[in-house]
Every structure is written in structure tokens, then in C-alpha cells.
N, C-alpha and C. Protein backbone atom coordinates (compact mmCIF):
# COMPACT_ATOMS: atom_id res chain seq x y z
N MET A 1 -39.93 31.88 15.00
CA MET A 1 -38.38 31.73 13.60
C MET A 1 -39.43 30.53 12.72
N ALA A 2 -39.49 31.11 11.94
CA ALA A 2 -40.45 30.22 10.47
C ALA A 2 -39.35 29.38 9.73
N LYS A 3 -39.94 28.22 10.09
CA LYS A 3 -38.82 26.99 9.57
C LYS A 3 -38.50 26.94 7.99
N GLN A 4 -37.47 26.77 7.53
CA GLN A 4 -37.39 27.07 6.41
C GLN A 4 -37.58 25.54 5.22
N LYS A 5 -38.26 25.64 4.22
CA LYS A 5 -38.42 24.74 3.45
C LYS A 5 -37.45 23.60 3.02
N VAL A 6 -37.22 22.44 3.13
CA VAL A 6 -36.15 22.16 2.63
C VAL A 6 -35.94 21.94 0.77
N LYS A 7 -35.39 22.42 0.24
CA LYS A 7 -35.17 22.36 -1.20
C LYS A 7 -35.06 20.43 -1.64
N MET A 8 -36.04 20.04 -2.36
CA MET A 8 -35.83 18.53 -2.78
C MET A 8 -34.87 18.29 -4.18
N VAL A 9 -34.17 17.43 -4.69
CA VAL A 9 -33.93 17.23 -5.81
C VAL A 9 -33.70 15.61 -5.94
N GLN A 10 -33.97 15.69 -7.72
CA GLN A 10 -33.94 14.36 -7.99
C GLN A 10 -32.65 13.64 -8.29
N CYS A 11 -32.28 12.60 -7.87
CA CYS A 11 -30.96 12.13 -8.29
C CYS A 11 -31.24 11.51 -9.81
N ARG A 12 -30.07 11.96 -10.40
CA ARG A 12 -30.29 11.49 -12.40
C ARG A 12 -29.45 10.11 -12.13
N TYR A 13 -28.75 9.61 -11.60
CA TYR A 13 -28.25 8.10 -11.61
C TYR A 13 -29.27 7.38 -12.36
N PRO A 14 -28.75 6.70 -13.27
CA PRO A 14 -30.29 5.42 -13.84
C PRO A 14 -30.03 4.55 -12.74
N LYS A 15 -29.25 4.19 -12.00
CA LYS A 15 -28.91 2.79 -10.88
C LYS A 15 -29.50 3.30 -9.72
N CYS A 16 -30.20 4.46 -9.49
CA CYS A 16 -30.20 4.92 -8.36
C CYS A 16 -31.17 4.33 -7.55
N MET A 17 -31.83 3.57 -7.92
CA MET A 17 -33.06 2.75 -7.14
C MET A 17 -32.17 1.22 -6.67
N LYS A 18 -31.22 1.00 -7.46
CA LYS A 18 -30.72 -0.11 -6.73
C LYS A 18 -29.81 0.16 -5.56
N LEU A 19 -29.43 1.33 -5.77
CA LEU A 19 -28.78 1.92 -4.03
C LEU A 19 -29.58 2.69 -3.09
N HIS A 20 -30.53 3.25 -3.32
CA HIS A 20 -31.33 3.90 -2.48
C HIS A 20 -32.91 3.36 -2.87
N GLU A 21 -33.49 3.68 -1.59
CA GLU A 21 -35.27 3.54 -1.62
C GLU A 21 -36.00 4.73 -2.45
N SER A 22 -35.30 5.61 -2.57
CA SER A 22 -36.10 7.29 -3.24
C SER A 22 -34.95 7.55 -4.02
N THR A 23 -35.42 8.41 -5.14
CA THR A 23 -34.19 8.91 -6.06
C THR A 23 -34.37 10.79 -5.46
N GLU A 24 -35.00 10.95 -4.76
CA GLU A 24 -35.28 12.33 -4.13
C GLU A 24 -34.34 12.28 -2.80
N LEU A 25 -33.71 13.89 -2.81
CA LEU A 25 -32.77 13.96 -1.67
C LEU A 25 -33.04 15.56 -1.72
N PRO A 26 -32.71 15.87 -0.27
CA PRO A 26 -32.25 17.00 -0.28
C PRO A 26 -31.09 17.76 -0.71
N LYS A 27 -31.03 19.07 -1.28
CA LYS A 27 -30.60 19.83 -2.41
C LYS A 27 -29.14 19.81 -1.55
N ASP A 28 -29.21 20.10 -0.51
CA ASP A 28 -28.00 20.83 0.56
C ASP A 28 -27.33 19.46 0.17
N GLU A 29 -27.60 18.12 0.58
CA GLU A 29 -26.82 17.02 0.57
C GLU A 29 -26.58 16.30 -0.75
N ALA A 30 -27.04 16.77 -1.74
CA ALA A 30 -26.92 16.54 -3.10
C ALA A 30 -25.29 16.96 -3.97
N VAL A 31 -25.17 15.99 -4.49
CA VAL A 31 -23.46 16.43 -5.13
C VAL A 31 -24.02 16.89 -6.72
N GLN A 32 -23.55 18.10 -7.36
CA GLN A 32 -23.70 18.81 -8.52
C GLN A 32 -23.29 18.31 -9.13
N GLY A 33 -23.40 17.36 -10.67
CA GLY A 33 -22.11 16.88 -11.70
C GLY A 33 -22.87 17.27 -13.17
N GLY A 34 -22.30 17.00 -13.56
CA GLY A 34 -22.49 16.49 -15.45
C GLY A 34 -22.57 17.99 -15.90
N LYS A 35 -22.87 17.50 -17.19
CA LYS A 35 -22.94 18.86 -18.06
C LYS A 35 -24.01 19.68 -17.86
N GLN A 36 -25.02 19.46 -17.54
CA GLN A 36 -26.70 20.14 -17.29
C GLN A 36 -26.50 20.43 -15.83
N LYS A 37 -25.44 19.88 -15.22
CA LYS A 37 -25.72 20.03 -13.25
C LYS A 37 -26.64 19.39 -12.92
N TYR A 38 -26.50 18.16 -13.21
CA TYR A 38 -27.45 17.38 -12.31
C TYR A 38 -27.25 16.83 -11.07
N TYR A 39 -28.17 16.50 -10.13
CA TYR A 39 -27.80 16.43 -8.71
C TYR A 39 -27.93 14.68 -8.44
N TYR A 40 -27.29 14.25 -7.63
CA TYR A 40 -26.71 12.95 -7.19
C TYR A 40 -26.58 13.08 -5.91
N HIS A 41 -27.08 11.42 -5.49
CA HIS A 41 -26.57 11.08 -4.02
C HIS A 41 -24.76 10.94 -4.32
N PRO A 42 -24.00 10.85 -3.37
CA PRO A 42 -22.67 11.01 -3.02
C PRO A 42 -22.31 9.59 -3.54
N ASP A 43 -23.13 8.72 -3.14
CA ASP A 43 -22.34 7.27 -3.52
C ASP A 43 -22.87 6.66 -4.54
N CYS A 44 -24.03 7.63 -5.41
CA CYS A 44 -24.02 7.16 -6.85
C CYS A 44 -23.25 8.00 -7.54
N TYR A 45 -22.73 9.33 -7.62
CA TYR A 45 -22.07 9.96 -8.21
C TYR A 45 -20.49 9.03 -8.28
N HIS A 46 -20.12 8.89 -7.01
CA HIS A 46 -18.99 7.90 -6.91
C HIS A 46 -19.22 6.74 -8.09
N THR A 47 -20.28 6.16 -7.63
CA THR A 47 -20.52 4.51 -8.32
C THR A 47 -20.29 5.28 -10.26
N MET A 48 -21.03 6.15 -10.36
CA MET A 48 -21.19 6.26 -11.70
C MET A 48 -19.89 6.70 -12.29
N GLN A 49 -19.14 7.82 -11.57
CA GLN A 49 -17.81 7.97 -11.94
C GLN A 49 -16.57 7.31 -11.86
N THR A 50 -16.41 6.14 -10.98
CA THR A 50 -15.58 5.27 -11.16
C THR A 50 -15.94 3.98 -12.40
N ILE A 51 -17.38 3.92 -12.42
CA ILE A 51 -17.50 2.84 -13.70
C ILE A 51 -17.38 3.26 -14.90
N ASN A 52 -17.23 4.84 -15.03
CA ASN A 52 -16.75 5.75 -16.27
C ASN A 52 -14.72 5.32 -16.32
N GLN A 53 -14.52 5.29 -15.27
CA GLN A 53 -13.18 5.21 -15.17
C GLN A 53 -12.51 3.75 -15.51
N ILE A 54 -13.49 2.77 -14.87
CA ILE A 54 -13.02 1.53 -15.51
C ILE A 54 -12.72 1.60 -16.72
N LYS A 55 -14.74 2.04 -17.38
CA LYS A 55 -14.39 1.47 -18.72
C LYS A 55 -13.17 2.30 -19.68
N ASP A 56 -13.10 3.79 -19.06
CA ASP A 56 -11.91 4.32 -20.08
C ASP A 56 -10.39 3.83 -20.26
N GLN A 57 -10.34 3.39 -18.89
CA GLN A 57 -8.90 2.48 -18.51
C GLN A 57 -9.16 1.18 -19.28
N PHE A 58 -10.07 0.51 -19.43
CA PHE A 58 -9.98 -0.62 -20.03
C PHE A 58 -9.89 -0.16 -21.59
N TYR A 59 -10.63 0.61 -21.86
CA TYR A 59 -10.74 1.15 -23.45
C TYR A 59 -9.08 1.54 -24.04
N ARG A 60 -8.19 2.19 -23.00
CA ARG A 60 -7.10 2.66 -23.09
C ARG A 60 -6.20 1.69 -22.83
N GLU A 61 -6.17 0.77 -21.87
CA GLU A 61 -4.88 0.15 -21.55
C GLU A 61 -4.77 -1.59 -22.24
N ILE A 62 -6.14 -1.85 -22.48
CA ILE A 62 -6.56 -3.25 -22.58
C ILE A 62 -6.83 -3.14 -24.06
N ASN A 63 -7.76 -2.67 -24.36
CA ASN A 63 -8.09 -2.84 -25.94
C ASN A 63 -8.52 -1.76 -26.79
N PRO A 64 -7.84 -1.39 -27.03
CA PRO A 64 -8.24 0.48 -28.20
C PRO A 64 -8.93 -0.02 -28.84
N ASN A 65 -9.35 -1.25 -29.68
CA ASN A 65 -9.83 -1.61 -30.66
C ASN A 65 -11.17 -1.89 -30.49
N MET A 66 -11.84 -1.82 -29.04
CA MET A 66 -13.05 -2.21 -28.85
C MET A 66 -14.25 -1.49 -29.88
N THR A 67 -14.92 -2.00 -29.91
CA THR A 67 -16.41 -1.35 -31.00
C THR A 67 -17.51 -1.13 -29.86
N GLY A 68 -18.44 -0.14 -30.17
CA GLY A 68 -19.17 0.47 -29.30
C GLY A 68 -20.08 -0.68 -28.84
N LYS A 69 -20.50 -1.44 -29.52
CA LYS A 69 -21.04 -3.05 -28.56
C LYS A 69 -20.50 -3.51 -27.90
N GLN A 70 -18.84 -3.79 -27.70
CA GLN A 70 -18.08 -4.34 -26.75
C GLN A 70 -18.17 -3.16 -25.67
N ILE A 71 -17.95 -2.09 -26.00
CA ILE A 71 -18.01 -1.10 -24.69
C ILE A 71 -19.39 -1.32 -23.85
N GLY A 72 -20.36 -1.22 -24.79
CA GLY A 72 -21.30 -1.25 -23.73
C GLY A 72 -21.69 -2.79 -23.21
N GLN A 73 -20.98 -3.68 -23.92
CA GLN A 73 -20.85 -4.85 -23.21
C GLN A 73 -19.95 -5.21 -21.60
N LEU A 74 -19.31 -4.13 -21.58
CA LEU A 74 -17.99 -4.12 -20.97
C LEU A 74 -18.48 -3.32 -19.62
N VAL A 75 -19.60 -2.25 -19.76
CA VAL A 75 -20.30 -1.10 -18.75
C VAL A 75 -21.54 -2.58 -18.02
N SER A 76 -22.32 -3.02 -18.88
CA SER A 76 -23.28 -3.82 -18.47
C SER A 76 -22.72 -5.17 -17.23
N ILE A 77 -21.34 -5.87 -18.11
CA ILE A 77 -20.66 -6.74 -16.99
C ILE A 77 -20.27 -5.54 -15.60
N VAL A 78 -19.93 -4.91 -15.91
CA VAL A 78 -19.51 -3.97 -14.37
C VAL A 78 -20.60 -3.94 -13.96
N ASN A 79 -21.94 -3.07 -14.31
CA ASN A 79 -22.88 -3.38 -13.81
C ASN A 79 -23.61 -4.07 -12.79
N ASN A 80 -23.22 -5.57 -13.53
CA ASN A 80 -23.73 -6.82 -13.05
C ASN A 80 -22.82 -7.10 -11.81
N ILE A 81 -21.66 -7.00 -11.76
CA ILE A 81 -20.58 -7.23 -11.16
C ILE A 81 -21.19 -6.50 -9.71
N VAL A 82 -21.26 -5.15 -10.21
CA VAL A 82 -21.68 -4.16 -8.76
C VAL A 82 -23.16 -4.40 -7.90
N PHE A 83 -23.81 -4.35 -8.97
CA PHE A 83 -25.11 -4.06 -8.60
C PHE A 83 -26.24 -5.43 -8.36
N THR A 84 -25.71 -6.64 -9.11
CA THR A 84 -26.00 -7.91 -8.93
C THR A 84 -25.32 -8.93 -7.94
N LYS A 85 -24.11 -8.60 -8.36
CA LYS A 85 -22.93 -9.75 -7.40
C LYS A 85 -22.65 -9.09 -5.55
N GLY A 86 -22.88 -7.34 -5.98
CA GLY A 86 -22.84 -6.88 -4.70
C GLY A 86 -21.17 -6.58 -4.34
N ASN A 87 -20.22 -6.47 -5.27
CA ASN A 87 -18.94 -6.06 -5.19
C ASN A 87 -18.87 -4.66 -5.39
N ASP A 88 -17.78 -4.23 -4.46
CA ASP A 88 -17.66 -2.83 -4.44
C ASP A 88 -17.02 -2.22 -5.45
N VAL A 89 -17.41 -1.08 -6.11
CA VAL A 89 -17.00 -0.60 -7.26
C VAL A 89 -15.33 0.18 -7.27
N ASP A 90 -15.17 0.37 -5.99
CA ASP A 90 -13.72 0.09 -6.13
C ASP A 90 -12.78 -0.72 -6.18
N PHE A 91 -13.41 -2.00 -5.66
CA PHE A 91 -12.93 -3.15 -5.63
C PHE A 91 -12.65 -3.76 -7.31
N VAL A 92 -13.36 -3.47 -8.02
CA VAL A 92 -13.73 -4.01 -9.32
C VAL A 92 -12.41 -3.04 -10.18
N LYS A 93 -12.75 -1.71 -9.90
CA LYS A 93 -11.33 -0.66 -10.20
C LYS A 93 -10.16 -1.36 -9.73
N PHE A 94 -9.80 -1.85 -8.70
CA PHE A 94 -8.82 -1.95 -8.36
C PHE A 94 -8.11 -3.35 -8.65
N ALA A 95 -9.21 -4.30 -9.41
CA ALA A 95 -9.09 -5.31 -9.49
C ALA A 95 -8.31 -5.44 -11.38
N LEU A 96 -8.90 -4.27 -12.01
CA LEU A 96 -9.00 -4.20 -13.22
C LEU A 96 -7.09 -2.99 -13.15
N GLU A 97 -6.89 -2.82 -12.21
CA GLU A 97 -5.52 -2.03 -11.99
C GLU A 97 -4.63 -3.24 -12.02
N TYR A 98 -5.25 -3.94 -11.09
CA TYR A 98 -3.93 -5.09 -10.42
C TYR A 98 -3.75 -5.82 -11.79
N PHE A 99 -4.65 -6.19 -12.63
CA PHE A 99 -4.21 -6.98 -13.77
C PHE A 99 -3.62 -6.22 -15.01
N ILE A 100 -3.77 -4.97 -14.57
CA ILE A 100 -2.82 -3.90 -15.93
C ILE A 100 -1.53 -4.06 -15.56
N LYS A 101 -1.15 -4.11 -14.11
CA LYS A 101 0.15 -3.75 -13.64
C LYS A 101 0.86 -5.19 -13.27
N TYR A 102 0.02 -6.04 -12.56
CA TYR A 102 1.07 -7.34 -12.64
C TYR A 102 0.84 -8.51 -13.57
N LYS A 103 -0.35 -8.19 -14.54
CA LYS A 103 -0.69 -9.53 -15.15
C LYS A 103 -0.90 -8.91 -16.34
N PRO A 104 -0.23 -8.42 -17.03
CA PRO A 104 -0.42 -7.57 -18.19
C PRO A 104 -0.80 -8.77 -19.19
N GLY A 105 -1.58 -8.62 -20.17
CA GLY A 105 -1.85 -9.45 -21.78
C GLY A 105 -2.91 -10.30 -20.66
N ALA A 106 -3.23 -10.42 -19.73
CA ALA A 106 -4.08 -11.65 -18.96
C ALA A 106 -5.55 -11.29 -19.32
N LEU A 107 -5.55 -10.12 -19.63
CA LEU A 107 -7.15 -9.64 -19.60
C LEU A 107 -7.17 -9.01 -21.05
N LYS A 108 -8.30 -9.72 -22.12
CA LYS A 108 -8.51 -8.87 -23.32
C LYS A 108 -9.92 -8.49 -23.76
N TYR A 109 -10.70 -9.16 -22.93
CA TYR A 109 -12.17 -9.06 -23.50
C TYR A 109 -12.74 -8.65 -22.23
N PRO A 110 -13.99 -8.12 -22.64
CA PRO A 110 -15.13 -7.18 -21.37
C PRO A 110 -15.41 -8.57 -20.38
N GLY A 111 -15.71 -9.75 -20.61
CA GLY A 111 -15.91 -10.63 -19.79
C GLY A 111 -15.06 -11.39 -19.28
N GLY A 112 -13.93 -10.86 -19.48
CA GLY A 112 -12.82 -11.32 -18.28
C GLY A 112 -12.72 -10.20 -17.11
N MET A 113 -13.68 -9.31 -16.99
CA MET A 113 -14.20 -8.22 -15.68
C MET A 113 -14.86 -9.64 -14.71
N ALA A 114 -15.56 -10.45 -15.16
CA ALA A 114 -16.33 -11.24 -14.31
C ALA A 114 -14.91 -12.52 -13.78
N TYR A 115 -14.05 -12.70 -13.98
CA TYR A 115 -13.42 -13.32 -13.82
C TYR A 115 -12.13 -12.97 -12.92
N ILE A 116 -11.78 -11.48 -13.16
CA ILE A 116 -10.60 -10.86 -12.55
C ILE A 116 -10.65 -10.87 -11.20
N VAL A 117 -12.53 -10.43 -10.70
CA VAL A 117 -12.79 -10.23 -9.30
C VAL A 117 -12.85 -11.31 -8.84
N GLN A 118 -12.56 -12.45 -8.96
CA GLN A 118 -12.37 -13.54 -8.57
C GLN A 118 -11.14 -14.35 -8.16
N ASP A 119 -10.21 -13.30 -8.87
CA ASP A 119 -8.58 -14.01 -8.96
C ASP A 119 -8.30 -14.06 -7.26
N ARG A 120 -7.77 -14.91 -7.31
CA ARG A 120 -6.99 -15.09 -5.62
C ARG A 120 -6.18 -14.44 -5.42
N ASP A 121 -5.04 -14.04 -6.28
CA ASP A 121 -4.17 -12.78 -6.46
C ASP A 121 -4.84 -11.58 -5.76
N VAL A 122 -5.92 -10.85 -6.88
CA VAL A 122 -6.59 -10.26 -6.52
C VAL A 122 -6.77 -9.72 -5.28
N LEU A 123 -7.68 -10.56 -4.78
CA LEU A 123 -8.81 -10.99 -3.45
C LEU A 123 -7.69 -10.50 -2.04
N SER A 124 -6.68 -11.13 -2.21
CA SER A 124 -5.55 -11.25 -1.30
C SER A 124 -4.63 -9.57 -1.34
N ALA A 125 -4.80 -8.95 -2.58
CA ALA A 125 -4.05 -8.03 -2.60
C ALA A 125 -5.08 -6.91 -1.96
N TRP A 126 -6.51 -6.88 -2.11
CA TRP A 126 -7.57 -6.21 -2.15
C TRP A 126 -7.20 -6.13 -0.26
N GLU A 127 -7.54 -7.45 0.29
CA GLU A 127 -7.55 -7.59 2.06
C GLU A 127 -6.59 -6.87 2.32
N LYS A 128 -5.21 -6.99 2.06
CA LYS A 128 -3.87 -6.24 2.36
C LYS A 128 -4.13 -4.97 2.49
N LEU A 129 -4.68 -4.50 1.38
CA LEU A 129 -5.06 -3.11 1.30
C LEU A 129 -5.90 -2.37 1.97
N GLN A 130 -6.74 -3.05 2.21
CA GLN A 130 -8.00 -2.70 3.20
C GLN A 130 -7.26 -2.67 4.59
N ALA A 131 -6.51 -3.74 4.74
CA ALA A 131 -5.73 -3.76 6.57
C ALA A 131 -5.28 -2.53 6.74
N GLN A 132 -4.09 -2.35 5.81
CA GLN A 132 -3.29 -0.84 5.65
C GLN A 132 -3.89 0.24 5.71
N LYS A 133 -5.22 0.78 5.28
CA LYS A 133 -6.24 1.75 5.47
C LYS A 133 -6.74 1.89 6.57
N ILE A 134 -7.30 0.44 7.71
CA ILE A 134 -7.73 0.15 8.89
C ILE A 134 -6.41 0.78 9.59
N ARG A 135 -5.30 0.36 9.52
CA ARG A 135 -4.00 0.74 10.39
C ARG A 135 -3.80 2.07 10.49
N GLU A 136 -4.11 2.84 8.93
CA GLU A 136 -3.58 4.18 9.04
C GLU A 136 -4.77 5.05 9.77
N GLU A 137 -6.06 4.81 9.43
CA GLU A 137 -7.33 5.42 10.05
C GLU A 137 -6.90 5.12 11.67
N LEU A 138 -6.65 4.11 12.19
CA LEU A 138 -6.07 4.24 13.88
C LEU A 138 -5.16 4.88 14.23
N ARG A 139 -4.26 4.49 13.36
CA ARG A 139 -2.92 5.75 13.54
C ARG A 139 -2.92 7.24 13.38
N LYS A 140 -4.08 7.52 12.92
CA LYS A 140 -4.10 8.79 12.76
C LYS A 140 -5.14 9.07 13.87
N GLU A 141 -6.18 8.34 14.15
CA GLU A 141 -7.09 8.22 15.48
C GLU A 141 -5.98 8.62 16.88
N MET A 142 -5.17 7.84 17.06
CA MET A 142 -4.42 7.63 18.08
C MET A 142 -3.61 8.86 18.48
N ASP A 143 -3.11 9.31 17.00
CA ASP A 143 -2.28 10.84 16.81
C ASP A 143 -3.69 12.00 17.17
N LYS A 144 -4.70 11.81 16.57
CA LYS A 144 -5.56 12.85 17.35
C LYS A 144 -6.00 12.71 19.07
N ILE A 145 -6.16 11.64 19.38
CA ILE A 145 -6.03 11.22 20.61
C ILE A 145 -5.01 11.64 21.69
N ASN A 146 -4.21 11.32 21.34
CA ASN A 146 -2.85 12.25 21.81
C ASN A 146 -2.38 13.75 21.68
N ASP A 147 -2.74 14.04 20.76
CA ASP A 147 -2.92 15.39 20.48
C ASP A 147 -3.59 15.99 21.29
N ASP A 148 -4.93 15.47 21.59
CA ASP A 148 -6.08 16.39 22.29
C ASP A 148 -5.73 16.01 24.12
N ASP A 149 -5.07 15.47 24.32
CA ASP A 149 -4.78 14.83 25.62
C ASP A 149 -3.96 15.92 26.22
N LYS A 150 -3.26 16.87 25.49
CA LYS A 150 -2.65 17.57 26.45
C LYS A 150 -0.87 17.20 26.94
N GLY A 151 -0.45 16.44 26.49
CA GLY A 151 0.90 16.35 26.94
C GLY A 151 1.02 14.60 27.55
N GLU A 152 -0.10 14.10 27.90
CA GLU A 152 -0.38 12.42 28.23
C GLU A 152 -0.20 11.35 27.25
N ILE A 153 1.23 10.68 27.04
CA ILE A 153 1.29 9.68 26.20
C ILE A 153 0.26 8.76 26.28
N ILE A 154 -0.64 8.19 25.29
CA ILE A 154 -1.04 6.97 25.45
C ILE A 154 -0.90 5.98 23.95
N GLY A 155 -0.08 6.59 22.86
CA GLY A 155 0.05 5.41 21.99
C GLY A 155 1.64 4.59 22.26
N PHE A 156 2.08 4.06 21.32
CA PHE A 156 3.50 3.32 21.52
C PHE A 156 4.50 4.59 20.34
N ASP A 157 5.37 4.75 21.54
CA ASP A 157 6.48 5.69 20.55
C ASP A 157 7.70 4.75 20.61
N SER A 158 8.11 4.29 19.39
CA SER A 158 9.37 3.34 19.65
C SER A 158 10.91 4.44 19.37
N SER A 159 10.27 5.45 19.23
CA SER A 159 11.62 6.79 18.54
C SER A 159 12.43 6.66 19.89
N ASN A 160 11.62 6.81 21.16
CA ASN A 160 12.32 7.02 22.56
C ASN A 160 13.15 5.67 23.19
N LYS A 161 12.52 4.99 22.66
CA LYS A 161 13.32 3.71 23.44
C LYS A 161 14.45 3.00 22.57
N LYS A 162 15.34 3.02 23.50
CA LYS A 162 16.85 2.21 22.81
C LYS A 162 16.87 0.91 23.20
N ILE A 163 17.02 0.06 22.09
CA ILE A 163 17.29 -1.54 22.49
C ILE A 163 18.92 -2.02 22.25
N GLU A 164 19.36 -2.40 23.04
CA GLU A 164 20.47 -2.62 23.23
C GLU A 164 20.51 -4.57 23.64
N TYR A 165 21.50 -5.12 22.89
CA TYR A 165 21.39 -6.39 22.89
C TYR A 165 22.71 -6.97 23.82
N LYS A 166 22.76 -7.72 24.85
CA LYS A 166 23.97 -7.97 25.90
C LYS A 166 24.06 -9.65 25.54
N ASP A 167 25.03 -9.68 25.43
CA ASP A 167 25.50 -11.23 25.35
C ASP A 167 25.62 -11.67 27.08
N ASN A 168 24.62 -12.51 27.28
CA ASN A 168 24.78 -13.08 28.46
C ASN A 168 25.73 -14.12 28.80
N ARG A 169 25.65 -14.74 27.89
CA ARG A 169 26.45 -16.13 27.42
C ARG A 169 28.22 -16.20 28.03
N LYS A 170 28.68 -17.18 28.58
CA LYS A 170 29.93 -16.96 28.62
C LYS A 170 30.15 -18.23 27.64
N ASN A 171 32.00 -18.01 27.23
CA ASN A 171 32.15 -19.22 26.38
C ASN A 171 32.36 -20.31 27.02
N LYS A 172 32.72 -21.39 26.33
CA LYS A 172 32.73 -22.46 27.17
C LYS A 172 33.65 -22.91 27.88
N PHE A 173 34.83 -22.11 28.32
CA PHE A 173 35.87 -22.28 28.64
C PHE A 173 35.81 -21.74 29.78
N SER A 174 34.97 -20.40 30.01
CA SER A 174 34.56 -20.01 31.41
C SER A 174 33.37 -20.94 32.16
N ASN A 175 32.68 -21.60 31.61
CA ASN A 175 31.76 -22.45 32.11
C ASN A 175 32.60 -23.47 32.68
N VAL A 176 33.30 -24.14 32.52
CA VAL A 176 33.99 -25.27 32.88
C VAL A 176 35.19 -24.63 34.11
N LEU A 177 35.41 -23.33 33.78
CA LEU A 177 35.92 -22.99 35.28
C LEU A 177 34.82 -22.26 36.23
N GLY A 178 34.15 -21.94 35.86
CA GLY A 178 32.74 -21.70 36.72
C GLY A 178 32.74 -20.07 37.03
N VAL A 179 33.65 -19.69 36.02
CA VAL A 179 33.91 -17.56 36.06
C VAL A 179 32.75 -17.21 35.53
């Protein structure tokens, strides 16, 4: 049996070298996208698409009168936040959406992106969201384990339990009588 040679392609994301050691990857692991069907690492493609979404959302909902130079500044600032400061690109998008929803008018200029990722309210909301995702993943894992276990219940199921409250305290008069 002859070994098949793995076809290698180049990741076309300009910032790929900041995420990976090499731009080369196997074709079967690559994500194909773009107008000319370029190939990307899955995380490079996700990062590129998310930064484009941040740029479009900022332009649409914060300042539709931005010039090309300001849009370039916005992309540069987001790239700096993600690649130099080490923040997750999904967190940057979450921070922008949080400010649009809960603090309208507080963000006006591209430079403000560097400040909103440091906001305490945004950080606490992000932590709550991440904790909720982890709980949901654990719940799915428990459900999967319970389904695979063929009838044995491992998790906690509160729907079968009935909680009753009985007042064991006696009124004051019955305490005096000792009844």
C-alpha cells in the first residue's frame, strides 16, 4: 500500500506568523475562504473574520462618518489589542457589543477600543459569560455520560425530588403547657 503525499497549502492571513510558527499547513486541515478561495488556518480565519466584524459593527453602529484613515486606525488598534496585548479576539468583539448595548454613546473614536477592553463592567460580564459556557459544557458532558450509562443516574436530577416544609415549632402557649 503506497502512502499518499499530503498536499500542503499556504495560509494567506497576513498576521499568521504571530499565531503560528509556519504559514504552511495540510490542505485537509485548512479552511477555504475569500474571493479567490484562499486557504487559512482555522484560527487565523476566525480571527480575520472577527476583526472584520468588529470593524463593520463599529462603522455601522458607532460612527458611520469615519474616514478611511480612521478605519485603518481602528483595525490597527484591534490588531494591537489582539496580537501585542494578547487579548482574545472574541473578547474584543464582546466588549464592543457590550458598550453598544449597555453604554450607548460612551464609545466614539477608534482609540476608545483600547479602553473598553479594560473596563471593569466588561471584564466581569465576560467572566460571567465564560463561567456560564463552562457550566453548559459540563451539563452536556454529564448528559452524555448519563445517556451512555444505560439507565444509571450519575447527575443530579431535581425534577424527581419533592420538597416539603413542615413547621415543627409549636406556638408559645403549647410550649408553656408542654404539649
